[in-house]
PDB file of N, CA and C in Angstrom:
ATOM      1  N   MET A   1      59.009  24.083  11.496  1.00  0.00           N
ATOM      2  CA  MET A   1      58.495  23.672  12.794  1.00  0.00           C
ATOM      3  C   MET A   1      58.134  24.908  13.587  1.00  0.00           C
ATOM      4  N   SER A   2      57.082  24.817  14.332  1.00  0.00           N
ATOM      5  CA  SER A   2      56.707  25.933  15.185  1.00  0.00           C
ATOM      6  C   SER A   2      57.773  26.142  16.254  1.00  0.00           C
ATOM      7  N   GLU A   3      57.870  25.226  17.184  1.00  0.00           N
ATOM      8  CA  GLU A   3      58.850  25.344  18.260  1.00  0.00           C
ATOM      9  C   GLU A   3      59.209  23.947  18.741  1.00  0.00           C
ATOM     10  N   LEU A   4      60.464  23.766  19.135  1.00  0.00           N
ATOM     11  CA  LEU A   4      60.943  22.487  19.663  1.00  0.00           C
ATOM     12  C   LEU A   4      61.745  22.778  20.924  1.00  0.00           C
ATOM     13  N   TYR A   5      61.408  22.065  22.013  1.00  0.00           N
ATOM     14  CA  TYR A   5      62.025  22.320  23.310  1.00  0.00           C
ATOM     15  C   TYR A   5      62.497  21.035  23.978  1.00  0.00           C
ATOM     16  N   THR A   6      63.435  21.210  24.905  1.00  0.00           N
ATOM     17  CA  THR A   6      63.738  20.201  25.907  1.00  0.00           C
ATOM     18  C   THR A   6      63.078  20.697  27.183  1.00  0.00           C
ATOM     19  N   VAL A   7      62.281  19.846  27.811  1.00  0.00           N
ATOM     20  CA  VAL A   7      61.604  20.249  29.040  1.00  0.00           C
ATOM     21  C   VAL A   7      62.329  19.600  30.218  1.00  0.00           C
ATOM     22  N   THR A   8      62.633  20.411  31.235  1.00  0.00           N
ATOM     23  CA  THR A   8      63.296  19.912  32.434  1.00  0.00           C
ATOM     24  C   THR A   8      62.458  20.287  33.656  1.00  0.00           C
ATOM     25  N   ALA A   9      62.624  19.516  34.715  1.00  0.00           N
ATOM     26  CA  ALA A   9      61.950  19.811  35.985  1.00  0.00           C
ATOM     27  C   ALA A   9      63.022  20.223  36.983  1.00  0.00           C
ATOM     28  N   GLU A  10      62.941  21.458  37.428  1.00  0.00           N
ATOM     29  CA  GLU A  10      63.918  21.983  38.376  1.00  0.00           C
ATOM     30  C   GLU A  10      63.184  22.697  39.501  1.00  0.00           C
ATOM     31  N   GLU A  11      63.441  22.276  40.726  1.00  0.00           N
ATOM     32  CA  GLU A  11      62.835  22.896  41.900  1.00  0.00           C
ATOM     33  C   GLU A  11      61.316  22.970  41.786  1.00  0.00           C
ATOM     34  N   GLY A  12      60.713  21.899  41.273  1.00  0.00           N
ATOM     35  CA  GLY A  12      59.262  21.829  41.162  1.00  0.00           C
ATOM     36  C   GLY A  12      58.670  22.630  40.019  1.00  0.00           C
ATOM     37  N   ARG A  13      59.509  23.178  39.157  1.00  0.00           N
ATOM     38  CA  ARG A  13      59.032  23.982  38.029  1.00  0.00           C
ATOM     39  C   ARG A  13      59.514  23.377  36.722  1.00  0.00           C
ATOM     40  N   LEU A  14      58.730  23.570  35.694  1.00  0.00           N
ATOM     41  CA  LEU A  14      59.137  23.136  34.357  1.00  0.00           C
ATOM     42  C   LEU A  14      59.898  24.261  33.667  1.00  0.00           C
ATOM     43  N   ARG A  15      60.955  23.883  32.965  1.00  0.00           N
ATOM     44  CA  ARG A  15      61.684  24.839  32.122  1.00  0.00           C
ATOM     45  C   ARG A  15      61.674  24.297  30.711  1.00  0.00           C
ATOM     46  N   PHE A  16      61.396  25.157  29.754  1.00  0.00           N
ATOM     47  CA  PHE A  16      61.401  24.794  28.345  1.00  0.00           C
ATOM     48  C   PHE A  16      62.604  25.472  27.693  1.00  0.00           C
ATOM     49  N   LEU A  17      63.565  24.657  27.270  1.00  0.00           N
ATOM     50  CA  LEU A  17      64.786  25.165  26.667  1.00  0.00           C
ATOM     51  C   LEU A  17      64.770  24.869  25.172  1.00  0.00           C
ATOM     52  N   PRO A  18      65.148  25.830  24.328  1.00  0.00           N
ATOM     53  CA  PRO A  18      65.161  25.578  22.884  1.00  0.00           C
ATOM     54  C   PRO A  18      66.004  24.342  22.555  1.00  0.00           C
ATOM     55  N   ARG A  19      65.564  23.587  21.559  1.00  0.00           N
ATOM     56  CA  ARG A  19      66.205  22.321  21.199  1.00  0.00           C
ATOM     57  C   ARG A  19      66.321  22.234  19.679  1.00  0.00           C
ATOM     58  N   THR A  20      67.396  21.606  19.225  1.00  0.00           N
ATOM     59  CA  THR A  20      67.579  21.307  17.809  1.00  0.00           C
ATOM     60  C   THR A  20      67.659  19.797  17.664  1.00  0.00           C
ATOM     61  N   ASP A  21      66.767  19.220  16.862  1.00  0.00           N
ATOM     62  CA  ASP A  21      66.732  17.772  16.630  1.00  0.00           C
ATOM     63  C   ASP A  21      66.046  17.550  15.284  1.00  0.00           C
ATOM     64  N   ALA A  22      66.848  17.485  14.221  1.00  0.00           N
ATOM     65  CA  ALA A  22      66.303  17.427  12.857  1.00  0.00           C
ATOM     66  C   ALA A  22      65.413  16.206  12.637  1.00  0.00           C
ATOM     67  N   ALA A  23      65.814  15.032  13.158  1.00  0.00           N
ATOM     68  CA  ALA A  23      65.023  13.807  12.953  1.00  0.00           C
ATOM     69  C   ALA A  23      63.660  13.915  13.636  1.00  0.00           C
ATOM     70  N   LEU A  24      63.651  14.399  14.872  1.00  0.00           N
ATOM     71  CA  LEU A  24      62.388  14.570  15.596  1.00  0.00           C
ATOM     72  C   LEU A  24      61.524  15.623  14.908  1.00  0.00           C
ATOM     73  N   GLU A  25      62.141  16.714  14.524  1.00  0.00           N
ATOM     74  CA  GLU A  25      61.394  17.786  13.866  1.00  0.00           C
ATOM     75  C   GLU A  25      60.704  17.278  12.599  1.00  0.00           C
ATOM     76  N   GLN A  26      61.418  16.509  11.792  1.00  0.00           N
ATOM     77  CA  GLN A  26      60.835  15.998  10.556  1.00  0.00           C
ATOM     78  C   GLN A  26      59.701  15.014  10.843  1.00  0.00           C
ATOM     79  N   ALA A  27      59.903  14.135  11.830  1.00  0.00           N
ATOM     80  CA  ALA A  27      58.860  13.164  12.185  1.00  0.00           C
ATOM     81  C   ALA A  27      57.594  13.867  12.667  1.00  0.00           C
ATOM     82  N   VAL A  28      57.752  14.904  13.478  1.00  0.00           N
ATOM     83  CA  VAL A  28      56.592  15.648  13.984  1.00  0.00           C
ATOM     84  C   VAL A  28      55.871  16.353  12.838  1.00  0.00           C
ATOM     85  N   LEU A  29      56.628  16.987  11.956  1.00  0.00           N
ATOM     86  CA  LEU A  29      56.020  17.693  10.824  1.00  0.00           C
ATOM     87  C   LEU A  29      55.296  16.741   9.880  1.00  0.00           C
ATOM     88  N   ASP A  30      55.875  15.553   9.679  1.00  0.00           N
ATOM     89  CA  ASP A  30      55.272  14.555   8.784  1.00  0.00           C
ATOM     90  C   ASP A  30      54.166  13.752   9.455  1.00  0.00           C
ATOM     91  N   GLU A  31      53.996  13.945  10.776  1.00  0.00           N
ATOM     92  CA  GLU A  31      53.050  13.158  11.571  1.00  0.00           C
ATOM     93  C   GLU A  31      53.327  11.665  11.425  1.00  0.00           C
ATOM     94  N   SER A  32      54.611  11.328  11.362  1.00  0.00           N
ATOM     95  CA  SER A  32      55.008   9.923  11.266  1.00  0.00           C
ATOM     96  C   SER A  32      55.444   9.440  12.646  1.00  0.00           C
ATOM     97  N   PRO A  33      55.634   8.118  12.818  1.00  0.00           N
ATOM     98  CA  PRO A  33      56.052   7.615  14.130  1.00  0.00           C
ATOM     99  C   PRO A  33      57.347   8.287  14.593  1.00  0.00           C
ATOM    100  N   LEU A  34      57.384   8.626  15.863  1.00  0.00           N
ATOM    101  CA  LEU A  34      58.579   9.259  16.403  1.00  0.00           C
ATOM    102  C   LEU A  34      59.639   8.201  16.660  1.00  0.00           C
ATOM    103  N   PRO A  35      60.870   8.431  16.248  1.00  0.00           N
ATOM    104  CA  PRO A  35      61.922   7.431  16.425  1.00  0.00           C
ATOM    105  C   PRO A  35      62.160   7.105  17.901  1.00  0.00           C
ATOM    106  N   GLY A  36      62.098   5.817  18.249  1.00  0.00           N
ATOM    107  CA  GLY A  36      62.368   5.365  19.609  1.00  0.00           C
ATOM    108  C   GLY A  36      61.264   5.643  20.606  1.00  0.00           C
ATOM    109  N   CYS A  37      60.072   5.991  20.129  1.00  0.00           N
ATOM    110  CA  CYS A  37      58.966   6.338  21.021  1.00  0.00           C
ATOM    111  C   CYS A  37      57.728   5.507  20.722  1.00  0.00           C
ATOM    112  N   GLY A  38      56.936   5.274  21.761  1.00  0.00           N
ATOM    113  CA  GLY A  38      55.645   4.622  21.611  1.00  0.00           C
ATOM    114  C   GLY A  38      54.535   5.568  22.028  1.00  0.00           C
ATOM    115  N   PHE A  39      53.407   5.491  21.342  1.00  0.00           N
ATOM    116  CA  PHE A  39      52.247   6.325  21.650  1.00  0.00           C
ATOM    117  C   PHE A  39      51.685   5.950  23.013  1.00  0.00           C
ATOM    118  N   VAL A  40      51.346   6.956  23.823  1.00  0.00           N
ATOM    119  CA  VAL A  40      50.747   6.742  25.139  1.00  0.00           C
ATOM    120  C   VAL A  40      49.294   7.200  25.158  1.00  0.00           C
ATOM    121  N   SER A  41      49.055   8.452  24.774  1.00  0.00           N
ATOM    122  CA  SER A  41      47.707   8.999  24.905  1.00  0.00           C
ATOM    123  C   SER A  41      47.562  10.285  24.108  1.00  0.00           C
ATOM    124  N   ARG A  42      46.314  10.678  23.916  1.00  0.00           N
ATOM    125  CA  ARG A  42      46.000  11.989  23.349  1.00  0.00           C
ATOM    126  C   ARG A  42      45.143  12.701  24.390  1.00  0.00           C
ATOM    127  N   LEU A  43      45.603  13.851  24.845  1.00  0.00           N
ATOM    128  CA  LEU A  43      44.888  14.648  25.835  1.00  0.00           C
ATOM    129  C   LEU A  43      44.187  15.795  25.134  1.00  0.00           C
ATOM    130  N   GLY A  44      42.951  16.050  25.478  1.00  0.00           N
ATOM    131  CA  GLY A  44      42.270  17.225  24.981  1.00  0.00           C
ATOM    132  C   GLY A  44      41.384  16.984  23.786  1.00  0.00           C
ATOM    133  N   ASP A  45      41.129  18.055  23.074  1.00  0.00           N
ATOM    134  CA  ASP A  45      40.171  18.086  21.980  1.00  0.00           C
ATOM    135  C   ASP A  45      40.880  18.530  20.703  1.00  0.00           C
ATOM    136  N   PRO A  46      40.966  17.655  19.676  1.00  0.00           N
ATOM    137  CA  PRO A  46      41.644  18.045  18.435  1.00  0.00           C
ATOM    138  C   PRO A  46      41.047  19.287  17.770  1.00  0.00           C
ATOM    139  N   GLY A  47      39.791  19.608  18.057  1.00  0.00           N
ATOM    140  CA  GLY A  47      39.174  20.801  17.500  1.00  0.00           C
ATOM    141  C   GLY A  47      39.501  22.067  18.261  1.00  0.00           C
ATOM    142  N   LEU A  48      40.198  21.945  19.397  1.00  0.00           N
ATOM    143  CA  LEU A  48      40.513  23.109  20.224  1.00  0.00           C
ATOM    144  C   LEU A  48      42.006  23.134  20.550  1.00  0.00           C
ATOM    145  N   LEU A  49      42.418  22.311  21.488  1.00  0.00           N
ATOM    146  CA  LEU A  49      43.815  22.214  21.899  1.00  0.00           C
ATOM    147  C   LEU A  49      44.033  20.798  22.394  1.00  0.00           C
ATOM    148  N   HIS A  50      45.076  20.146  21.905  1.00  0.00           N
ATOM    149  CA  HIS A  50      45.347  18.791  22.365  1.00  0.00           C
ATOM    150  C   HIS A  50      46.843  18.518  22.391  1.00  0.00           C
ATOM    151  N   CYS A  51      47.198  17.489  23.144  1.00  0.00           N
ATOM    152  CA  CYS A  51      48.586  17.084  23.326  1.00  0.00           C
ATOM    153  C   CYS A  51      48.683  15.587  23.073  1.00  0.00           C
ATOM    154  N   VAL A  52      49.545  15.209  22.146  1.00  0.00           N
ATOM    155  CA  VAL A  52      49.806  13.799  21.882  1.00  0.00           C
ATOM    156  C   VAL A  52      51.038  13.424  22.701  1.00  0.00           C
ATOM    157  N   VAL A  53      50.905  12.375  23.513  1.00  0.00           N
ATOM    158  CA  VAL A  53      51.955  11.982  24.448  1.00  0.00           C
ATOM    159  C   VAL A  53      52.621  10.699  23.965  1.00  0.00           C
ATOM    160  N   PHE A  54      53.950  10.717  23.935  1.00  0.00           N
ATOM    161  CA  PHE A  54      54.754   9.551  23.568  1.00  0.00           C
ATOM    162  C   PHE A  54      55.735   9.260  24.691  1.00  0.00           C
ATOM    163  N   ARG A  55      56.101   7.997  24.854  1.00  0.00           N
ATOM    164  CA  ARG A  55      57.066   7.569  25.879  1.00  0.00           C
ATOM    165  C   ARG A  55      58.268   6.996  25.160  1.00  0.00           C
ATOM    166  N   HIS A  56      59.479   7.379  25.613  1.00  0.00           N
ATOM    167  CA  HIS A  56      60.687   6.757  25.071  1.00  0.00           C
ATOM    168  C   HIS A  56      60.652   5.270  25.385  1.00  0.00           C
ATOM    169  N   GLU A  57      61.015   4.438  24.420  1.00  0.00           N
ATOM    170  CA  GLU A  57      60.925   2.990  24.606  1.00  0.00           C
ATOM    171  C   GLU A  57      62.105   2.394  25.362  1.00  0.00           C
ATOM    172  N   ARG A  58      63.288   2.956  25.205  1.00  0.00           N
ATOM    173  CA  ARG A  58      64.471   2.345  25.813  1.00  0.00           C
ATOM    174  C   ARG A  58      65.260   3.287  26.717  1.00  0.00           C
ATOM    175  N   LYS A  59      64.663   4.402  27.038  1.00  0.00           N
ATOM    176  CA  LYS A  59      65.320   5.357  27.932  1.00  0.00           C
ATOM    177  C   LYS A  59      64.250   6.157  28.666  1.00  0.00           C
ATOM    178  N   PRO A  60      64.633   6.896  29.695  1.00  0.00           N
ATOM    179  CA  PRO A  60      63.653   7.677  30.456  1.00  0.00           C
ATOM    180  C   PRO A  60      63.038   8.800  29.617  1.00  0.00           C
ATOM    181  N   GLY A  61      61.872   9.246  30.053  1.00  0.00           N
ATOM    182  CA  GLY A  61      61.252  10.423  29.462  1.00  0.00           C
ATOM    183  C   GLY A  61      60.297  10.136  28.329  1.00  0.00           C
ATOM    184  N   GLY A  62      60.004  11.183  27.567  1.00  0.00           N
ATOM    185  CA  GLY A  62      59.066  11.065  26.464  1.00  0.00           C
ATOM    186  C   GLY A  62      58.944  12.368  25.703  1.00  0.00           C
ATOM    187  N   VAL A  63      57.953  12.411  24.819  1.00  0.00           N
ATOM    188  CA  VAL A  63      57.756  13.560  23.936  1.00  0.00           C
ATOM    189  C   VAL A  63      56.293  13.997  23.996  1.00  0.00           C
ATOM    190  N   PHE A  64      56.083  15.298  24.018  1.00  0.00           N
ATOM    191  CA  PHE A  64      54.754  15.897  24.005  1.00  0.00           C
ATOM    192  C   PHE A  64      54.629  16.754  22.748  1.00  0.00           C
ATOM    193  N   VAL A  65      53.595  16.506  21.965  1.00  0.00           N
ATOM    194  CA  VAL A  65      53.344  17.292  20.754  1.00  0.00           C
ATOM    195  C   VAL A  65      52.020  18.023  20.962  1.00  0.00           C
ATOM    196  N   VAL A  66      52.079  19.347  21.043  1.00  0.00           N
ATOM    197  CA  VAL A  66      50.898  20.157  21.338  1.00  0.00           C
ATOM    198  C   VAL A  66      50.430  20.843  20.050  1.00  0.00           C
ATOM    199  N   GLU A  67      49.138  20.663  19.761  1.00  0.00           N
ATOM    200  CA  GLU A  67      48.539  21.194  18.536  1.00  0.00           C
ATOM    201  C   GLU A  67      47.197  21.843  18.855  1.00  0.00           C
ATOM    202  N   ASP A  68      46.762  22.722  17.971  1.00  0.00           N
ATOM    203  CA  ASP A  68      45.394  23.231  18.036  1.00  0.00           C
ATOM    204  C   ASP A  68      44.738  22.968  16.687  1.00  0.00           C
ATOM    205  N   ASP A  69      43.563  23.528  16.471  1.00  0.00           N
ATOM    206  CA  ASP A  69      42.860  23.232  15.222  1.00  0.00           C
ATOM    207  C   ASP A  69      43.534  23.837  13.993  1.00  0.00           C
ATOM    208  N   ASN A  70      44.527  24.691  14.192  1.00  0.00           N
ATOM    209  CA  ASN A  70      45.297  25.252  13.075  1.00  0.00           C
ATOM    210  C   ASN A  70      46.585  24.490  12.800  1.00  0.00           C
ATOM    211  N   GLY A  71      46.931  23.534  13.665  1.00  0.00           N
ATOM    212  CA  GLY A  71      48.141  22.749  13.442  1.00  0.00           C
ATOM    213  C   GLY A  71      49.071  22.739  14.637  1.00  0.00           C
ATOM    214  N   LEU A  72      50.307  22.412  14.361  1.00  0.00           N
ATOM    215  CA  LEU A  72      51.333  22.231  15.381  1.00  0.00           C
ATOM    216  C   LEU A  72      51.666  23.545  16.089  1.00  0.00           C
ATOM    217  N   LEU A  73      51.713  23.493  17.422  1.00  0.00           N
ATOM    218  CA  LEU A  73      52.163  24.635  18.217  1.00  0.00           C
ATOM    219  C   LEU A  73      53.603  24.432  18.671  1.00  0.00           C
ATOM    220  N   PHE A  74      53.868  23.295  19.341  1.00  0.00           N
ATOM    221  CA  PHE A  74      55.228  22.994  19.766  1.00  0.00           C
ATOM    222  C   PHE A  74      55.355  21.523  20.125  1.00  0.00           C
ATOM    223  N   ALA A  75      56.600  21.078  20.193  1.00  0.00           N
ATOM    224  CA  ALA A  75      56.917  19.747  20.703  1.00  0.00           C
ATOM    225  C   ALA A  75      57.943  19.928  21.815  1.00  0.00           C
ATOM    226  N   ALA A  76      57.825  19.121  22.855  1.00  0.00           N
ATOM    227  CA  ALA A  76      58.747  19.194  23.987  1.00  0.00           C
ATOM    228  C   ALA A  76      59.222  17.791  24.337  1.00  0.00           C
ATOM    229  N   VAL A  77      60.525  17.658  24.540  1.00  0.00           N
ATOM    230  CA  VAL A  77      61.135  16.373  24.870  1.00  0.00           C
ATOM    231  C   VAL A  77      61.551  16.388  26.332  1.00  0.00           C
ATOM    232  N   ALA A  78      61.045  15.435  27.101  1.00  0.00           N
ATOM    233  CA  ALA A  78      61.464  15.240  28.492  1.00  0.00           C
ATOM    234  C   ALA A  78      62.494  14.117  28.490  1.00  0.00           C
ATOM    235  N   GLU A  79      63.683  14.390  28.992  1.00  0.00           N
ATOM    236  CA  GLU A  79      64.751  13.389  28.958  1.00  0.00           C
ATOM    237  C   GLU A  79      64.886  12.611  30.256  1.00  0.00           C
ATOM    238  N   THR A  80      64.072  12.953  31.254  1.00  0.00           N
ATOM    239  CA  THR A  80      64.067  12.198  32.507  1.00  0.00           C
ATOM    240  C   THR A  80      62.628  11.823  32.842  1.00  0.00           C
ATOM    241  N   ASN A  81      62.484  10.809  33.692  1.00  0.00           N
ATOM    242  CA  ASN A  81      61.135  10.412  34.108  1.00  0.00           C
ATOM    243  C   ASN A  81      60.469  11.494  34.958  1.00  0.00           C
ATOM    244  N   LEU A  82      61.261  12.211  35.756  1.00  0.00           N
ATOM    245  CA  LEU A  82      60.704  13.296  36.560  1.00  0.00           C
ATOM    246  C   LEU A  82      60.147  14.394  35.652  1.00  0.00           C
ATOM    247  N   ALA A  83      60.923  14.818  34.683  1.00  0.00           N
ATOM    248  CA  ALA A  83      60.450  15.849  33.752  1.00  0.00           C
ATOM    249  C   ALA A  83      59.218  15.362  32.996  1.00  0.00           C
ATOM    250  N   TYR A  84      59.208  14.091  32.603  1.00  0.00           N
ATOM    251  CA  TYR A  84      58.066  13.516  31.891  1.00  0.00           C
ATOM    252  C   TYR A  84      56.807  13.568  32.765  1.00  0.00           C
ATOM    253  N   ALA A  85      56.921  13.126  34.017  1.00  0.00           N
ATOM    254  CA  ALA A  85      55.761  13.080  34.913  1.00  0.00           C
ATOM    255  C   ALA A  85      55.235  14.482  35.228  1.00  0.00           C
ATOM    256  N   VAL A  86      56.135  15.411  35.517  1.00  0.00           N
ATOM    257  CA  VAL A  86      55.707  16.775  35.836  1.00  0.00           C
ATOM    258  C   VAL A  86      55.088  17.440  34.600  1.00  0.00           C
ATOM    259  N   ALA A  87      55.706  17.251  33.437  1.00  0.00           N
ATOM    260  CA  ALA A  87      55.164  17.836  32.202  1.00  0.00           C
ATOM    261  C   ALA A  87      53.809  17.230  31.858  1.00  0.00           C
ATOM    262  N   LEU A  88      53.655  15.926  32.063  1.00  0.00           N
ATOM    263  CA  LEU A  88      52.373  15.280  31.782  1.00  0.00           C
ATOM    264  C   LEU A  88      51.271  15.889  32.648  1.00  0.00           C
ATOM    265  N   GLY A  89      51.557  16.077  33.930  1.00  0.00           N
ATOM    266  CA  GLY A  89      50.580  16.694  34.827  1.00  0.00           C
ATOM    267  C   GLY A  89      50.277  18.134  34.455  1.00  0.00           C
ATOM    268  N   ARG A  90      51.309  18.908  34.173  1.00  0.00           N
ATOM    269  CA  ARG A  90      51.121  20.331  33.864  1.00  0.00           C
ATOM    270  C   ARG A  90      50.425  20.534  32.523  1.00  0.00           C
ATOM    271  N   LEU A  91      50.851  19.791  31.501  1.00  0.00           N
ATOM    272  CA  LEU A  91      50.215  19.936  30.188  1.00  0.00           C
ATOM    273  C   LEU A  91      48.782  19.407  30.215  1.00  0.00           C
ATOM    274  N   GLY A  92      48.556  18.319  30.955  1.00  0.00           N
ATOM    275  CA  GLY A  92      47.196  17.799  31.093  1.00  0.00           C
ATOM    276  C   GLY A  92      46.271  18.823  31.727  1.00  0.00           C
ATOM    277  N   LYS A  93      46.761  19.510  32.748  1.00  0.00           N
ATOM    278  CA  LYS A  93      45.972  20.548  33.419  1.00  0.00           C
ATOM    279  C   LYS A  93      45.690  21.711  32.467  1.00  0.00           C
ATOM    280  N   MET A  94      46.712  22.148  31.744  1.00  0.00           N
ATOM    281  CA  MET A  94      46.545  23.255  30.804  1.00  0.00           C
ATOM    282  C   MET A  94      45.521  22.915  29.720  1.00  0.00           C
ATOM    283  N   ILE A  95      45.618  21.702  29.184  1.00  0.00           N
ATOM    284  CA  ILE A  95      44.706  21.265  28.124  1.00  0.00           C
ATOM    285  C   ILE A  95      43.269  21.189  28.650  1.00  0.00           C
ATOM    286  N   SER A  96      43.100  20.628  29.851  1.00  0.00           N
ATOM    287  CA  SER A  96      41.738  20.504  30.393  1.00  0.00           C
ATOM    288  C   SER A  96      41.157  21.875  30.744  1.00  0.00           C
ATOM    289  N   TYR A  97      41.979  22.809  31.210  1.00  0.00           N
ATOM    290  CA  TYR A  97      41.496  24.165  31.479  1.00  0.00           C
ATOM    291  C   TYR A  97      41.048  24.850  30.189  1.00  0.00           C
ATOM    292  N   ALA A  98      41.760  24.618  29.104  1.00  0.00           N
ATOM    293  CA  ALA A  98      41.364  25.208  27.815  1.00  0.00           C
ATOM    294  C   ALA A  98      39.988  24.693  27.403  1.00  0.00           C
ATOM    295  N   ARG A  99      39.765  23.394  27.564  1.00  0.00           N
ATOM    296  CA  ARG A  99      38.470  22.813  27.195  1.00  0.00           C
ATOM    297  C   ARG A  99      37.372  23.358  28.099  1.00  0.00           C
ATOM    298  N   TYR A 100      37.653  23.427  29.413  1.00  0.00           N
ATOM    299  CA  TYR A 100      36.681  23.940  30.377  1.00  0.00           C
ATOM    300  C   TYR A 100      36.334  25.392  30.057  1.00  0.00           C
ATOM    301  N   GLY A 101      37.344  26.202  29.783  1.00  0.00           N
ATOM    302  CA  GLY A 101      37.114  27.604  29.456  1.00  0.00           C
ATOM    303  C   GLY A 101      36.286  27.766  28.195  1.00  0.00           C
ATOM    304  N   ALA A 102      36.573  26.958  27.192  1.00  0.00           N
ATOM    305  CA  ALA A 102      35.801  27.021  25.943  1.00  0.00           C
ATOM    306  C   ALA A 102      34.352  26.620  26.185  1.00  0.00           C
ATOM    307  N   ASP A 103      34.145  25.607  27.018  1.00  0.00           N
ATOM    308  CA  ASP A 103      32.778  25.170  27.324  1.00  0.00           C
ATOM    309  C   ASP A 103      32.005  26.249  28.078  1.00  0.00           C
ATOM    310  N   ILE A 104      32.648  26.877  29.061  1.00  0.00           N
ATOM    311  CA  ILE A 104      31.995  27.939  29.834  1.00  0.00           C
ATOM    312  C   ILE A 104      31.653  29.113  28.923  1.00  0.00           C
ATOM    313  N   PHE A 105      32.580  29.485  28.069  1.00  0.00           N
ATOM    314  CA  PHE A 105      32.339  30.595  27.147  1.00  0.00           C
ATOM    315  C   PHE A 105      31.171  30.274  26.221  1.00  0.00           C
ATOM    316  N   ALA A 106      31.160  29.083  25.659  1.00  0.00           N
ATOM    317  CA  ALA A 106      30.077  28.684  24.750  1.00  0.00           C
ATOM    318  C   ALA A 106      28.740  28.655  25.483  1.00  0.00           C
ATOM    319  N   GLU A 107      28.746  28.146  26.719  1.00  0.00           N
ATOM    320  CA  GLU A 107      27.514  28.081  27.512  1.00  0.00           C
ATOM    321  C   GLU A 107      26.998  29.479  27.825  1.00  0.00           C
ATOM    322  N   ASN A 108      27.897  30.396  28.162  1.00  0.00           N
ATOM    323  CA  ASN A 108      27.490  31.763  28.489  1.00  0.00           C
ATOM    324  C   ASN A 108      27.009  32.527  27.263  1.00  0.00           C
ATOM    325  N   MET A 109      27.445  32.140  26.090  1.00  0.00           N
ATOM    326  CA  MET A 109      26.995  32.803  24.866  1.00  0.00           C
ATOM    327  C   MET A 109      25.528  32.492  24.576  1.00  0.00           C
ATOM    328  N   LEU A 110      25.021  31.403  25.164  1.00  0.00           N
ATOM    329  CA  LEU A 110      23.629  31.024  24.950  1.00  0.00           C
ATOM    330  C   LEU A 110      22.668  31.808  25.832  1.00  0.00           C
ATOM    331  N   ASP A 111      23.178  32.357  26.937  1.00  0.00           N
ATOM    332  CA  ASP A 111      22.332  33.095  27.880  1.00  0.00           C
ATOM    333  C   ASP A 111      22.155  34.543  27.423  1.00  0.00           C
ATOM    334  N   ASP A 112      20.939  35.055  27.588  1.00  0.00           N
ATOM    335  CA  ASP A 112      20.682  36.465  27.305  1.00  0.00           C
ATOM    336  C   ASP A 112      21.196  37.303  28.461  1.00  0.00           C
ATOM    337  N   ASP A 113      21.797  38.436  28.139  1.00  0.00           N
ATOM    338  CA  ASP A 113      22.210  39.372  29.177  1.00  0.00           C
ATOM    339  C   ASP A 113      21.006  40.216  29.574  1.00  0.00           C
ATOM    340  N   ASP A 114      20.672  40.203  30.845  1.00  0.00           N
ATOM    341  CA  ASP A 114      19.514  40.972  31.313  1.00  0.00           C
ATOM    342  C   ASP A 114      19.945  42.258  31.949  1.00  0.00           C
TER     343      ASP A 114
END
């Protein structure tokens, strides 16, 4: 596994703490359904940077799996609804900025420098 974290929201900031969870790690590596989670959304572009979002079915929080075109980067587990909501907003912003930056770079590569 690349990296596995527990994400917490403290004083308006996200903290990513190292986590050990063999069942989750194996499910993420196998790209199989995550135990106790339901799929919510996929943010971003699978060819660049994207985040697959899952929600815990019977408890607060959820799981974020962040990948790029080379594969898995990290997974983060939010154990509270606050951490889930803040992480969803922050990761969504990061993913959209990556896409925007890639688009601007590609667009500028088409222009001749005078």
